[in-house]
Each structure stands twice: as C-alpha cells, then as structure tokens.
Amino acid sequence: VEDQAESRADAIDAQADTMPDGAAKEAMENKADRVEEMGEEKANAMDDNGEVAPSETGVGDTQKK
C-alpha cells in the first residue's frame, strides 16, 4: 500500500517538475505530499504491530496541529 502511494506521489511530483513555477506547481507538489502521507497512514493502520496511524493523532505534515 505504502509503495503504491509513494509511486503515485513520485509520478505526481514528476509532473509538477515539468510545470512552470507558480501556484499550480505548488498545488501539484502539495498533492504529491498528501498522497504519500495518506499511503503511509494507511500502511500504519494495517501494521501488525498495532502502530497508530498519524491520521488518528493529527500529527501528519499536511494536517493541522
């Protein structure tokens, strides 16, 4: 799950790299960050060790603290 999200985030980030600097490029880079973070959270939620996903703690990089 995490690897799939990271691959998708890398593809989005690569697309952003081809864009001119500006708000649209920044939005695309932020989307890539969110996709990767959500994949990490989903993988953590599925973790056999019972690790708590950051989404349940409100501590992720794209989440309000």
C-alpha atoms as a PDB file:
ATOM      1  CA  VAL A   1       0.000   0.000   0.000  1.00  0.00           C
ATOM      2  CA  GLU A   2       2.708   2.437   1.029  1.00  0.00           C
ATOM      3  CA  ASP A   3       4.847   1.607  -2.015  1.00  0.00           C
ATOM      4  CA  GLN A   4       1.895   2.161  -4.364  1.00  0.00           C
ATOM      5  CA  ALA A   5       1.166   5.542  -2.796  1.00  0.00           C
ATOM      6  CA  GLU A   6       4.819   6.513  -2.991  1.00  0.00           C
ATOM      7  CA  SER A   7       4.958   5.560  -6.678  1.00  0.00           C
ATOM      8  CA  ARG A   8       1.839   7.606  -7.357  1.00  0.00           C
ATOM      9  CA  ALA A   9       3.268  10.550  -5.389  1.00  0.00           C
ATOM     10  CA  ASP A  10       6.519  10.311  -7.370  1.00  0.00           C
ATOM     11  CA  ALA A  11       4.559  10.424 -10.634  1.00  0.00           C
ATOM     12  CA  ILE A  12       2.608  13.491  -9.482  1.00  0.00           C
ATOM     13  CA  ASP A  13       5.836  15.145  -8.334  1.00  0.00           C
ATOM     14  CA  ALA A  14       7.492  14.401 -11.690  1.00  0.00           C
ATOM     15  CA  GLN A  15       4.551  16.019 -13.435  1.00  0.00           C
ATOM     16  CA  ALA A  16       4.923  19.071 -11.180  1.00  0.00           C
ATOM     17  CA  ASP A  17       8.607  19.283 -12.130  1.00  0.00           C
ATOM     18  CA  THR A  18       7.597  19.903 -15.748  1.00  0.00           C
ATOM     19  CA  MET A  19       5.337  22.822 -14.806  1.00  0.00           C
ATOM     20  CA  PRO A  20       6.417  26.458 -14.641  1.00  0.00           C
ATOM     21  CA  ASP A  21       6.915  27.887 -11.151  1.00  0.00           C
ATOM     22  CA  GLY A  22       3.747  29.199  -9.585  1.00  0.00           C
ATOM     23  CA  ALA A  23       0.636  28.299  -7.648  1.00  0.00           C
ATOM     24  CA  ALA A  24      -0.342  25.376  -9.891  1.00  0.00           C
ATOM     25  CA  LYS A  25       3.080  23.744  -9.498  1.00  0.00           C
ATOM     26  CA  GLU A  26       2.988  24.239  -5.742  1.00  0.00           C
ATOM     27  CA  ALA A  27      -0.524  22.752  -5.549  1.00  0.00           C
ATOM     28  CA  MET A  28       0.645  19.701  -7.508  1.00  0.00           C
ATOM     29  CA  GLU A  29       3.642  19.237  -5.198  1.00  0.00           C
ATOM     30  CA  ASN A  30       1.347  19.522  -2.164  1.00  0.00           C
ATOM     31  CA  LYS A  31      -0.944  16.892  -3.690  1.00  0.00           C
ATOM     32  CA  ALA A  32       2.033  14.548  -4.064  1.00  0.00           C
ATOM     33  CA  ASP A  33       2.891  15.074  -0.391  1.00  0.00           C
ATOM     34  CA  ARG A  34      -0.685  14.309   0.683  1.00  0.00           C
ATOM     35  CA  VAL A  35      -0.859  11.148  -1.444  1.00  0.00           C
ATOM     36  CA  GLU A  36       2.374   9.861   0.069  1.00  0.00           C
ATOM     37  CA  GLU A  37       1.297  10.730   3.606  1.00  0.00           C
ATOM     38  CA  MET A  38      -2.078   9.045   3.192  1.00  0.00           C
ATOM     39  CA  GLY A  39      -0.346   5.897   1.914  1.00  0.00           C
ATOM     40  CA  GLU A  40       1.932   5.878   4.945  1.00  0.00           C
ATOM     41  CA  GLU A  41      -1.037   6.327   7.263  1.00  0.00           C
ATOM     42  CA  LYS A  42      -2.982   3.523   5.611  1.00  0.00           C
ATOM     43  CA  ALA A  43       0.035   1.210   5.853  1.00  0.00           C
ATOM     44  CA  ASN A  44       0.462   2.130   9.520  1.00  0.00           C
ATOM     45  CA  ALA A  45      -3.204   1.431  10.189  1.00  0.00           C
ATOM     46  CA  MET A  46      -2.714  -2.026   8.700  1.00  0.00           C
ATOM     47  CA  ASP A  47       0.509  -2.624  10.651  1.00  0.00           C
ATOM     48  CA  ASP A  48       0.524  -5.896  12.558  1.00  0.00           C
ATOM     49  CA  ASN A  49       2.320  -4.221  15.453  1.00  0.00           C
ATOM     50  CA  GLY A  50      -0.700  -2.081  16.219  1.00  0.00           C
ATOM     51  CA  GLU A  51       1.087   1.169  15.390  1.00  0.00           C
ATOM     52  CA  VAL A  52      -1.273   4.142  15.427  1.00  0.00           C
ATOM     53  CA  ALA A  53      -1.535   5.963  12.117  1.00  0.00           C
ATOM     54  CA  PRO A  54      -0.640   9.691  12.208  1.00  0.00           C
ATOM     55  CA  SER A  55      -4.127  10.489  10.885  1.00  0.00           C
ATOM     56  CA  GLU A  56      -5.503   9.261  14.180  1.00  0.00           C
ATOM     57  CA  THR A  57      -3.164  11.520  16.124  1.00  0.00           C
ATOM     58  CA  GLY A  58      -3.497  14.633  13.925  1.00  0.00           C
ATOM     59  CA  VAL A  59       0.277  14.970  13.597  1.00  0.00           C
ATOM     60  CA  GLY A  60       0.870  14.442   9.846  1.00  0.00           C
ATOM     61  CA  ASP A  61       2.781  17.047   7.840  1.00  0.00           C
ATOM     62  CA  THR A  62      -0.323  18.164   5.918  1.00  0.00           C
ATOM     63  CA  GLN A  63      -2.607  18.138   8.938  1.00  0.00           C
ATOM     64  CA  LYS A  64      -3.348  20.969  11.336  1.00  0.00           C
ATOM     65  CA  LYS A  65      -1.784  20.633  14.751  1.00  0.00           C
END
